[in-house]
Amino acid sequence: MNYLQSPLASIIGYADILLNGVPGSISEQQSCFVMSIRRQSESLKNVVNYVESSPQEERAKKIRSLICPWQVDDFIPIVSHDLRTPLTVIIGYTGMMLHGLGGRVSTNQRDVLQLIKWHADEMNNLILDLLDQIKAKTKGGR
């Protein structure tokens, strides 16, 4: 899951740029959106770090100890939810700001928001690929 770290780091960095470094001020509502984007990114980063903190074999043992074979179908939606819910918030708030909700954004701010959206979309696709791989492995292992 190391490949998930890069888009997350980019999203967090771009959120910081919006809050502190892009010319042009952002409204209070936009600032709240960007802070939510940053918090959700940090939350997602913590989930990814937790999963990565164990060697692969140990991770697999932990997962197998938590679920029985007949519960695998329930496990995948839970993992999907925990990984994709923060992304939904990030993509949603970014889209709202790009459409002018909360106030007008400057060209520089729009460029940064588009980068955040691109990285969030990339991460969403990576998570979908990961879930497809998990599904394929669990169906093949039964």
C-alpha atoms as a PDB file:
ATOM      1  CA  MET A   1       0.000   0.000   0.000  1.00  0.00           C
ATOM      2  CA  ASN A   2       3.005   2.299  -0.246  1.00  0.00           C
ATOM      3  CA  TYR A   3       1.541   3.533  -3.526  1.00  0.00           C
ATOM      4  CA  LEU A   4      -1.292   5.131  -1.507  1.00  0.00           C
ATOM      5  CA  GLN A   5       1.125   7.322   0.456  1.00  0.00           C
ATOM      6  CA  SER A   6       2.161   9.508  -2.482  1.00  0.00           C
ATOM      7  CA  PRO A   7      -1.282  10.850  -3.439  1.00  0.00           C
ATOM      8  CA  LEU A   8      -2.091  11.404   0.235  1.00  0.00           C
ATOM      9  CA  ALA A   9       1.087  13.382   0.813  1.00  0.00           C
ATOM     10  CA  SER A  10       0.271  15.480  -2.263  1.00  0.00           C
ATOM     11  CA  ILE A  11      -3.289  16.185  -1.108  1.00  0.00           C
ATOM     12  CA  ILE A  12      -2.087  17.231   2.356  1.00  0.00           C
ATOM     13  CA  GLY A  13       0.628  19.416   0.845  1.00  0.00           C
ATOM     14  CA  TYR A  14      -1.764  21.103  -1.557  1.00  0.00           C
ATOM     15  CA  ALA A  15      -4.263  21.723   1.240  1.00  0.00           C
ATOM     16  CA  ASP A  16      -1.494  23.424   3.202  1.00  0.00           C
ATOM     17  CA  ILE A  17      -0.631  25.529   0.168  1.00  0.00           C
ATOM     18  CA  LEU A  18      -4.264  26.618  -0.160  1.00  0.00           C
ATOM     19  CA  LEU A  19      -4.376  27.545   3.504  1.00  0.00           C
ATOM     20  CA  ASN A  20      -1.041  29.337   3.628  1.00  0.00           C
ATOM     21  CA  GLY A  21       0.647  29.925   0.330  1.00  0.00           C
ATOM     22  CA  VAL A  22      -1.559  30.623  -2.670  1.00  0.00           C
ATOM     23  CA  PRO A  23      -1.981  34.279  -3.578  1.00  0.00           C
ATOM     24  CA  GLY A  24      -5.499  35.492  -2.936  1.00  0.00           C
ATOM     25  CA  SER A  25      -7.496  35.003   0.181  1.00  0.00           C
ATOM     26  CA  ILE A  26     -10.020  32.253   0.689  1.00  0.00           C
ATOM     27  CA  SER A  27     -13.320  32.752   2.427  1.00  0.00           C
ATOM     28  CA  GLU A  28     -14.044  31.381   5.878  1.00  0.00           C
ATOM     29  CA  GLN A  29     -16.287  28.693   4.376  1.00  0.00           C
ATOM     30  CA  GLN A  30     -13.586  27.699   1.879  1.00  0.00           C
ATOM     31  CA  SER A  31     -11.076  27.544   4.715  1.00  0.00           C
ATOM     32  CA  CYS A  32     -13.411  25.127   6.537  1.00  0.00           C
ATOM     33  CA  PHE A  33     -13.651  22.989   3.383  1.00  0.00           C
ATOM     34  CA  VAL A  34      -9.868  22.882   3.003  1.00  0.00           C
ATOM     35  CA  MET A  35      -9.388  22.046   6.697  1.00  0.00           C
ATOM     36  CA  SER A  36     -11.888  19.176   6.277  1.00  0.00           C
ATOM     37  CA  ILE A  37      -9.991  17.958   3.211  1.00  0.00           C
ATOM     38  CA  ARG A  38      -6.776  18.020   5.226  1.00  0.00           C
ATOM     39  CA  ARG A  39      -8.321  16.237   8.252  1.00  0.00           C
ATOM     40  CA  GLN A  40      -9.825  13.514   6.069  1.00  0.00           C
ATOM     41  CA  SER A  41      -6.473  13.061   4.325  1.00  0.00           C
ATOM     42  CA  GLU A  42      -4.726  12.728   7.684  1.00  0.00           C
ATOM     43  CA  SER A  43      -7.366  10.230   8.814  1.00  0.00           C
ATOM     44  CA  LEU A  44      -6.877   8.180   5.675  1.00  0.00           C
ATOM     45  CA  LYS A  45      -3.104   8.402   6.097  1.00  0.00           C
ATOM     46  CA  ASN A  46      -3.459   6.950   9.606  1.00  0.00           C
ATOM     47  CA  VAL A  47      -5.471   4.000   8.246  1.00  0.00           C
ATOM     48  CA  VAL A  48      -2.865   3.345   5.549  1.00  0.00           C
ATOM     49  CA  ASN A  49      -0.006   3.649   8.072  1.00  0.00           C
ATOM     50  CA  TYR A  50      -1.743   1.199  10.425  1.00  0.00           C
ATOM     51  CA  VAL A  51      -2.170  -1.357   7.672  1.00  0.00           C
ATOM     52  CA  GLU A  52       1.422  -0.897   6.522  1.00  0.00           C
ATOM     53  CA  SER A  53       2.876  -1.078  10.040  1.00  0.00           C
ATOM     54  CA  SER A  54       2.956  -4.883  10.073  1.00  0.00           C
ATOM     55  CA  PRO A  55       4.811  -7.243   7.761  1.00  0.00           C
ATOM     56  CA  GLN A  56       2.558  -8.680   5.064  1.00  0.00           C
ATOM     57  CA  GLU A  57       2.316 -12.134   6.641  1.00  0.00           C
ATOM     58  CA  GLU A  58       1.390 -10.638  10.007  1.00  0.00           C
ATOM     59  CA  ARG A  59      -1.237  -8.426   8.366  1.00  0.00           C
ATOM     60  CA  ALA A  60      -2.786 -11.443   6.690  1.00  0.00           C
ATOM     61  CA  LYS A  61      -2.854 -13.331  10.022  1.00  0.00           C
ATOM     62  CA  LYS A  62      -4.516 -10.377  11.754  1.00  0.00           C
ATOM     63  CA  ILE A  63      -7.160 -10.164   9.061  1.00  0.00           C
ATOM     64  CA  ARG A  64      -7.767 -13.937   9.077  1.00  0.00           C
ATOM     65  CA  SER A  65      -8.050 -13.935  12.864  1.00  0.00           C
ATOM     66  CA  LEU A  66     -10.703 -11.229  12.696  1.00  0.00           C
ATOM     67  CA  ILE A  67     -12.900 -12.881  10.105  1.00  0.00           C
ATOM     68  CA  CYS A  68     -14.060 -16.360   9.274  1.00  0.00           C
ATOM     69  CA  PRO A  69     -14.109 -17.510   5.637  1.00  0.00           C
ATOM     70  CA  TRP A  70     -17.867 -17.006   5.434  1.00  0.00           C
ATOM     71  CA  GLN A  71     -17.425 -13.395   6.611  1.00  0.00           C
ATOM     72  CA  VAL A  72     -15.067 -12.322   3.818  1.00  0.00           C
ATOM     73  CA  ASP A  73     -17.975 -10.937   1.817  1.00  0.00           C
ATOM     74  CA  ASP A  74     -18.804  -8.671   4.778  1.00  0.00           C
ATOM     75  CA  PHE A  75     -15.162  -7.691   5.318  1.00  0.00           C
ATOM     76  CA  ILE A  76     -14.561  -6.224   1.857  1.00  0.00           C
ATOM     77  CA  PRO A  77     -17.367  -3.621   2.111  1.00  0.00           C
ATOM     78  CA  ILE A  78     -16.085  -2.567   5.546  1.00  0.00           C
ATOM     79  CA  VAL A  79     -12.558  -2.040   4.214  1.00  0.00           C
ATOM     80  CA  SER A  80     -13.971  -0.259   1.197  1.00  0.00           C
ATOM     81  CA  HIS A  81     -16.001   2.050   3.416  1.00  0.00           C
ATOM     82  CA  ASP A  82     -13.083   2.884   5.727  1.00  0.00           C
ATOM     83  CA  LEU A  83     -10.802   3.736   2.831  1.00  0.00           C
ATOM     84  CA  ARG A  84     -13.249   5.447   0.500  1.00  0.00           C
ATOM     85  CA  THR A  85     -15.374   7.528   2.891  1.00  0.00           C
ATOM     86  CA  PRO A  86     -12.611  10.081   3.552  1.00  0.00           C
ATOM     87  CA  LEU A  87     -11.984  10.290  -0.194  1.00  0.00           C
ATOM     88  CA  THR A  88     -15.636  11.057  -0.808  1.00  0.00           C
ATOM     89  CA  VAL A  89     -15.347  14.049   1.512  1.00  0.00           C
ATOM     90  CA  ILE A  90     -12.117  15.212  -0.149  1.00  0.00           C
ATOM     91  CA  ILE A  91     -13.530  14.892  -3.674  1.00  0.00           C
ATOM     92  CA  GLY A  92     -16.854  16.443  -2.657  1.00  0.00           C
ATOM     93  CA  TYR A  93     -15.417  19.517  -0.960  1.00  0.00           C
ATOM     94  CA  THR A  94     -12.913  20.021  -3.764  1.00  0.00           C
ATOM     95  CA  GLY A  95     -15.696  19.863  -6.338  1.00  0.00           C
ATOM     96  CA  MET A  96     -17.858  22.289  -4.377  1.00  0.00           C
ATOM     97  CA  MET A  97     -15.009  24.795  -4.196  1.00  0.00           C
ATOM     98  CA  LEU A  98     -14.238  24.376  -7.897  1.00  0.00           C
ATOM     99  CA  HIS A  99     -17.899  25.198  -8.628  1.00  0.00           C
ATOM    100  CA  GLY A 100     -17.728  28.365  -6.543  1.00  0.00           C
ATOM    101  CA  LEU A 101     -19.524  27.229  -3.408  1.00  0.00           C
ATOM    102  CA  GLY A 102     -18.204  29.288  -0.542  1.00  0.00           C
ATOM    103  CA  GLY A 103     -16.909  32.039  -2.780  1.00  0.00           C
ATOM    104  CA  ARG A 104     -14.875  32.746  -5.863  1.00  0.00           C
ATOM    105  CA  VAL A 105     -11.471  31.064  -6.233  1.00  0.00           C
ATOM    106  CA  SER A 106      -8.488  32.590  -7.973  1.00  0.00           C
ATOM    107  CA  THR A 107      -6.788  30.931 -10.933  1.00  0.00           C
ATOM    108  CA  ASN A 108      -3.938  29.762  -8.681  1.00  0.00           C
ATOM    109  CA  GLN A 109      -6.379  28.347  -6.143  1.00  0.00           C
ATOM    110  CA  ARG A 110      -8.307  26.587  -8.921  1.00  0.00           C
ATOM    111  CA  ASP A 111      -5.064  25.002 -10.169  1.00  0.00           C
ATOM    112  CA  VAL A 112      -4.276  23.680  -6.679  1.00  0.00           C
ATOM    113  CA  LEU A 113      -7.841  22.400  -6.203  1.00  0.00           C
ATOM    114  CA  GLN A 114      -7.641  20.570  -9.527  1.00  0.00           C
ATOM    115  CA  LEU A 115      -4.404  18.915  -8.370  1.00  0.00           C
ATOM    116  CA  ILE A 116      -6.098  17.820  -5.135  1.00  0.00           C
ATOM    117  CA  LYS A 117      -9.003  16.370  -7.116  1.00  0.00           C
ATOM    118  CA  TRP A 118      -6.659  14.575  -9.519  1.00  0.00           C
ATOM    119  CA  HIS A 119      -4.720  12.956  -6.652  1.00  0.00           C
ATOM    120  CA  ALA A 120      -7.923  12.000  -4.831  1.00  0.00           C
ATOM    121  CA  ASP A 121      -9.324  10.433  -8.012  1.00  0.00           C
ATOM    122  CA  GLU A 122      -6.024   8.591  -8.514  1.00  0.00           C
ATOM    123  CA  MET A 123      -6.171   7.281  -4.961  1.00  0.00           C
ATOM    124  CA  ASN A 124      -9.781   6.211  -5.388  1.00  0.00           C
ATOM    125  CA  ASN A 125      -8.793   4.199  -8.491  1.00  0.00           C
ATOM    126  CA  LEU A 126      -5.898   2.594  -6.596  1.00  0.00           C
ATOM    127  CA  ILE A 127      -8.238   1.586  -3.776  1.00  0.00           C
ATOM    128  CA  LEU A 128     -10.716   0.113  -6.264  1.00  0.00           C
ATOM    129  CA  ASP A 129      -7.874  -1.893  -7.842  1.00  0.00           C
ATOM    130  CA  LEU A 130      -6.768  -3.069  -4.396  1.00  0.00           C
ATOM    131  CA  LEU A 131     -10.299  -4.176  -3.521  1.00  0.00           C
ATOM    132  CA  ASP A 132     -10.590  -6.028  -6.832  1.00  0.00           C
ATOM    133  CA  GLN A 133      -7.346  -7.865  -6.033  1.00  0.00           C
ATOM    134  CA  ILE A 134      -8.618  -8.772  -2.556  1.00  0.00           C
ATOM    135  CA  LYS A 135     -11.876 -10.065  -4.031  1.00  0.00           C
ATOM    136  CA  ALA A 136     -10.015 -12.138  -6.617  1.00  0.00           C
ATOM    137  CA  LYS A 137      -7.690 -13.640  -3.994  1.00  0.00           C
ATOM    138  CA  THR A 138     -10.474 -14.459  -1.550  1.00  0.00           C
ATOM    139  CA  LYS A 139     -12.603 -16.103  -4.241  1.00  0.00           C
ATOM    140  CA  GLY A 140      -9.609 -18.062  -5.503  1.00  0.00           C
ATOM    141  CA  GLY A 141      -8.661 -19.158  -1.981  1.00  0.00           C
ATOM    142  CA  ARG A 142     -12.026 -20.706  -1.109  1.00  0.00           C
END
